[in-house]
Protein backbone atom coordinates (compact mmCIF):
# COMPACT_ATOMS: atom_id res chain seq x y z
CA MET A 1 18.90 3.19 6.30
CA LEU A 2 17.59 1.22 3.30
CA ILE A 3 15.81 -1.23 5.62
CA GLU A 4 14.12 1.65 7.44
CA THR A 5 13.03 3.22 4.14
CA LEU A 6 11.55 -0.03 2.89
CA GLU A 7 9.78 -0.61 6.19
CA GLU A 8 8.31 2.91 6.16
CA GLU A 9 7.07 2.35 2.60
CA ARG A 10 5.51 -0.97 3.60
CA VAL A 11 3.49 0.37 6.52
CA LYS A 12 2.31 3.75 5.24
CA PRO A 13 -0.94 3.98 3.27
CA GLY A 14 -0.63 3.54 -0.45
CA ILE A 15 -1.97 5.24 -3.57
CA LEU A 16 -5.42 4.33 -4.84
CA ALA A 17 -5.00 4.05 -8.61
CA ILE A 18 -8.15 4.16 -10.74
CA ASP A 19 -8.09 3.36 -14.45
CA VAL A 20 -11.30 4.50 -16.14
CA GLY A 21 -12.14 2.74 -19.38
CA GLY A 22 -15.09 2.74 -21.70
CA THR A 23 -15.47 -1.00 -21.12
CA GLY A 24 -14.19 -1.50 -17.57
CA LEU A 25 -13.37 0.39 -14.38
CA LYS A 26 -10.24 -0.86 -12.61
CA ALA A 27 -8.72 0.00 -9.26
CA ALA A 28 -5.89 -1.15 -7.00
CA VAL A 29 -3.72 0.19 -4.20
CA ILE A 30 -0.09 0.63 -5.23
CA ASP A 31 3.04 1.82 -3.46
CA ASP A 32 5.21 4.82 -4.36
CA ARG A 33 7.08 2.73 -6.94
CA GLY A 34 3.92 1.56 -8.68
CA ARG A 35 4.03 -1.97 -7.26
CA MET A 36 0.72 -3.61 -6.46
CA ARG A 37 -0.29 -3.74 -2.81
CA SER A 38 -3.64 -5.32 -3.57
CA ASP A 39 -5.39 -7.42 -6.15
CA ARG A 40 -6.84 -5.48 -9.02
CA GLN A 41 -10.58 -4.85 -8.77
CA ARG A 42 -12.60 -4.57 -11.97
CA VAL A 43 -16.24 -4.03 -12.91
CA PRO A 44 -17.87 -3.27 -16.26
CA THR A 45 -18.35 0.40 -17.01
CA PRO A 46 -22.07 1.25 -16.80
CA HIS A 47 -23.71 2.57 -19.96
CA PRO A 48 -24.83 5.25 -19.79
CA CYS A 49 -22.46 6.40 -17.05
CA PRO A 50 -23.34 9.87 -15.72
CA PRO A 51 -21.13 11.29 -12.92
CA LYS A 52 -23.36 10.23 -10.01
CA LEU A 53 -23.52 6.62 -11.17
CA PHE A 54 -19.77 6.69 -11.82
CA LEU A 55 -19.07 7.85 -8.26
CA ASP A 56 -21.42 5.21 -6.81
CA THR A 57 -19.73 2.49 -8.87
CA ILE A 58 -16.20 3.57 -7.91
CA ALA A 59 -17.12 3.74 -4.22
CA ALA A 60 -18.33 0.14 -4.33
CA LEU A 61 -15.33 -0.96 -6.39
CA VAL A 62 -12.72 0.32 -3.95
CA ARG A 63 -14.48 -0.74 -0.75
CA PRO A 64 -12.53 -4.04 -0.40
CA LEU A 65 -9.14 -2.38 -0.96
CA PRO A 66 -6.59 -1.59 1.78
CA ALA A 67 -5.80 1.85 3.17
CA PHE A 68 -4.71 4.68 0.89
CA ASP A 69 -3.93 8.35 1.44
CA ARG A 70 -3.77 9.63 -2.15
CA ILE A 71 -5.73 8.94 -5.32
CA ALA A 72 -4.52 8.84 -8.93
CA VAL A 73 -7.06 8.73 -11.75
CA GLY A 74 -6.53 7.97 -15.42
CA PHE A 75 -9.58 9.29 -17.30
CA PRO A 76 -10.46 8.64 -20.97
CA GLY A 77 -10.83 12.17 -22.28
CA VAL A 78 -9.49 15.67 -21.88
CA VAL A 79 -9.08 16.69 -18.24
CA ARG A 80 -7.71 19.91 -16.83
CA ASN A 81 -7.30 21.16 -13.27
CA GLY A 82 -9.40 18.31 -11.88
CA ARG A 83 -12.27 18.93 -14.30
CA VAL A 84 -13.49 16.81 -17.19
CA LEU A 85 -13.67 18.63 -20.51
CA THR A 86 -14.57 15.65 -22.71
CA ALA A 87 -15.58 12.07 -22.04
CA PRO A 88 -16.50 10.60 -25.44
CA ASN A 89 -16.89 7.02 -24.21
CA LEU A 90 -18.89 7.96 -21.10
CA GLY A 91 -21.16 10.67 -22.48
CA THR A 92 -19.62 14.12 -22.87
CA GLY A 93 -22.95 15.90 -22.39
CA ASP A 94 -23.18 14.67 -18.81
CA TRP A 95 -19.51 15.17 -18.05
CA ALA A 96 -18.46 18.44 -19.68
CA GLY A 97 -17.11 20.74 -16.99
CA PHE A 98 -17.70 18.26 -14.16
CA ALA A 99 -15.22 18.73 -11.28
CA LEU A 100 -14.43 15.05 -10.85
CA ALA A 101 -11.32 15.34 -8.67
CA PRO A 102 -12.98 17.16 -5.74
CA ALA A 103 -16.16 15.06 -6.09
CA LEU A 104 -14.15 11.83 -5.98
CA SER A 105 -12.08 13.05 -3.03
CA LYS A 106 -15.23 13.86 -1.08
CA ARG A 107 -16.83 10.51 -1.91
CA LEU A 108 -13.74 8.50 -0.91
CA GLY A 109 -13.00 10.04 2.47
CA GLY A 110 -11.15 13.22 1.63
CA ALA A 111 -7.91 11.86 0.15
CA PRO A 112 -6.37 14.28 -2.38
CA VAL A 113 -6.87 13.41 -6.05
CA ARG A 114 -4.63 13.93 -9.05
CA MET A 115 -6.19 13.20 -12.41
CA ILE A 116 -4.80 12.90 -15.91
CA ASN A 117 -5.71 11.36 -19.25
CA ASP A 118 -5.66 7.55 -19.03
CA ALA A 119 -3.06 7.04 -21.77
CA GLU A 120 -0.81 9.58 -20.06
CA MET A 121 -1.09 7.79 -16.72
CA GLN A 122 -0.30 4.49 -18.37
CA GLY A 123 2.71 6.08 -20.01
CA MET A 124 4.15 7.07 -16.66
CA ALA A 125 4.68 3.38 -15.93
CA LEU A 126 6.11 2.59 -19.37
CA ILE A 127 8.47 5.30 -20.55
CA ALA A 128 12.23 5.05 -20.31
CA GLY A 129 12.48 8.84 -19.93
CA ARG A 130 14.81 9.36 -22.89
CA GLY A 131 13.94 10.79 -26.26
CA VAL A 132 10.46 11.03 -27.77
CA GLU A 133 8.14 8.30 -26.56
CA LEU A 134 4.58 7.70 -27.73
CA VAL A 135 1.94 5.74 -25.87
CA VAL A 136 -1.06 4.41 -27.81
CA THR A 137 -3.97 2.60 -26.16
CA LEU A 138 -6.29 0.40 -28.19
CA GLY A 139 -9.57 -0.30 -26.43
CA THR A 140 -13.08 1.09 -26.65
CA GLY A 141 -11.40 4.02 -28.39
CA VAL A 142 -7.84 5.08 -29.12
CA GLY A 143 -5.79 7.01 -26.58
CA THR A 144 -2.44 8.69 -27.09
CA ALA A 145 0.19 10.34 -24.93
CA LEU A 146 3.48 11.91 -25.97
CA PHE A 147 6.55 12.30 -23.77
CA ARG A 148 9.88 14.00 -24.41
CA ASP A 149 12.76 13.07 -22.09
CA GLY A 150 10.22 11.90 -19.53
CA GLU A 151 8.10 15.05 -19.64
CA LEU A 152 4.54 15.21 -20.94
CA ALA A 153 3.92 17.10 -24.16
CA PRO A 154 0.68 19.03 -24.59
CA HIS A 155 -2.25 16.64 -24.79
CA LEU A 156 -3.47 15.84 -28.30
CA GLU A 157 -6.88 14.25 -28.87
CA LEU A 158 -5.73 12.23 -31.86
CA ALA A 159 -8.66 9.91 -31.29
CA HIS A 160 -10.91 12.49 -32.94
CA HIS A 161 -8.54 13.46 -35.73
CA PRO A 162 -9.03 11.96 -39.22
CA LEU A 163 -6.73 9.01 -39.92
CA ALA A 164 -7.94 7.27 -43.08
CA LYS A 165 -10.90 7.36 -45.47
CA GLY A 166 -12.46 10.22 -43.52
CA LYS A 167 -12.55 8.16 -40.33
CA THR A 168 -11.05 9.27 -37.04
CA TYR A 169 -8.66 7.09 -35.04
CA ASP A 170 -11.60 6.03 -32.86
CA GLU A 171 -13.80 5.18 -35.84
CA TYR A 172 -10.99 3.40 -37.70
CA LEU A 173 -9.45 1.43 -34.81
CA GLY A 174 -11.81 1.44 -31.82
CA ASN A 175 -13.55 -1.66 -30.54
CA ALA A 176 -16.63 -1.06 -32.70
CA ALA A 177 -14.38 -1.05 -35.79
CA PHE A 178 -12.69 -4.26 -34.67
CA GLN A 179 -16.06 -5.97 -34.27
CA LYS A 180 -17.20 -4.72 -37.67
CA VAL A 181 -14.19 -5.44 -39.90
CA GLY A 182 -12.62 -8.41 -38.10
CA ARG A 183 -9.14 -9.20 -36.90
CA LYS A 184 -7.32 -9.37 -40.26
CA ARG A 185 -8.48 -5.99 -41.56
CA TRP A 186 -8.12 -4.40 -38.11
CA ASN A 187 -4.46 -5.47 -37.95
CA LYS A 188 -3.85 -3.85 -41.33
CA ARG A 189 -5.35 -0.68 -39.88
CA VAL A 190 -3.04 -0.83 -36.85
CA LYS A 191 -0.07 -1.10 -39.22
CA ARG A 192 -1.36 1.94 -41.11
CA MET A 193 -1.72 3.88 -37.86
CA LEU A 194 1.87 3.12 -36.83
CA GLU A 195 3.13 4.27 -40.24
CA VAL A 196 1.22 7.55 -39.99
CA LEU A 197 2.35 8.23 -36.42
CA ASP A 198 5.96 7.53 -37.35
CA VAL A 199 5.80 10.13 -40.13
CA LEU A 200 3.93 12.60 -37.91
CA LEU A 201 5.94 12.34 -34.68
CA HIS A 202 9.16 10.35 -35.40
CA PRO A 203 9.05 8.70 -31.93
CA ASP A 204 12.09 6.87 -30.62
CA ARG A 205 9.83 4.34 -28.89
CA VAL A 206 6.14 3.45 -29.12
CA HIS A 207 4.34 1.65 -26.29
CA ILE A 208 1.01 0.06 -27.24
CA GLY A 209 -1.45 -0.77 -24.45
CA GLY A 210 -5.15 -1.40 -23.99
CA GLY A 211 -7.36 -4.47 -24.07
CA ASN A 212 -7.32 -4.92 -27.84
CA THR A 213 -3.55 -5.36 -28.02
CA LYS A 214 -4.25 -9.07 -27.57
CA HIS A 215 -5.54 -9.09 -31.16
CA ILE A 216 -2.29 -7.81 -32.70
CA ASP A 217 -0.81 -10.67 -34.73
CA PHE A 218 1.91 -9.09 -36.88
CA THR A 219 5.58 -8.46 -36.15
CA LEU A 220 5.88 -4.98 -34.70
CA PRO A 221 8.42 -2.51 -36.13
CA GLU A 222 11.64 -1.87 -34.25
CA GLY A 223 11.07 0.33 -31.21
CA VAL A 224 7.39 -0.62 -30.88
CA THR A 225 6.38 -2.81 -27.93
CA ILE A 226 3.17 -4.09 -26.39
CA ALA A 227 2.73 -2.97 -22.79
CA SER A 228 1.24 -4.69 -19.76
CA ASN A 229 -2.35 -3.68 -19.05
CA GLU A 230 -1.37 -3.24 -15.39
CA ALA A 231 0.55 -0.12 -16.44
CA GLY A 232 -2.74 1.78 -16.48
CA LEU A 233 -2.79 1.45 -12.70
CA GLU A 234 0.94 1.37 -11.98
CA GLY A 235 1.38 4.77 -13.63
CA GLY A 236 -0.56 6.33 -10.76
CA ALA A 237 2.68 6.35 -8.77
CA GLY A 238 4.28 8.63 -11.37
CA LEU A 239 1.38 11.03 -11.00
CA TRP A 240 2.26 11.43 -7.31
CA ARG A 241 6.03 11.58 -7.63
CA LYS A 242 5.60 15.06 -9.03
CA PRO A 243 2.87 16.96 -10.81
CA PRO A 244 2.96 16.03 -14.51
CA VAL A 245 5.08 18.43 -16.51
CA ARG A 246 4.10 19.42 -20.03
CA ARG A 247 6.49 21.00 -22.45
CA THR A 248 5.13 24.18 -23.99
CA ALA A 249 6.66 26.62 -26.39
CA ALA A 250 8.34 29.60 -24.78
CA ARG A 251 6.56 32.87 -25.23
CA ALA A 252 8.36 35.66 -27.00
């Protein structure tokens, strides 16, 4: 029975996972467990990147990849019901209200699309599923996702919330800040962020991902780990195991 199940998984089309970043666009085909079925494809994110150019770029990016029958997208902003509400690193004015999921499905042959915030999709490949777990991505900007016992909490755009000296998380820790203040001061800022988030959320575990994690040079506190960058794609399998569940307060 196990052999048949593994054989069926091997031959059926996989999931096209797309990780949208302010610096790079990444894609790969993965199986239902999040394991890579193809090499990762990557191209720089165009700037500016309006929806039409984005769709053209993604279509070219995925052309060499093997067959897929579902699509999972991690998008850097607030997304809801397949629509983009904000896209601060791509140009919110062009993207606000854009129905990306149906547009991407149409452009890529009709496969169904599930879309979620990029930090949340990465978290689906990282979390243990027990307790309160926080995912933080450090790249062009700062992304966050919060899980409780494996379930998504309501999305918080902490990137645009003040963190220190009147600066938001993005302004204080994003790539532009790293380039401006240098590695030593940026690492002090990462430490400060972790202290603030510990007081604010009391997470049991913190998973840090994103391209700028390679610059972290201090000993991380207990319960804080640096994640593989492949998790941004591997988490696409979690998006298709079940629709993401968010905990919300019960209404009276």
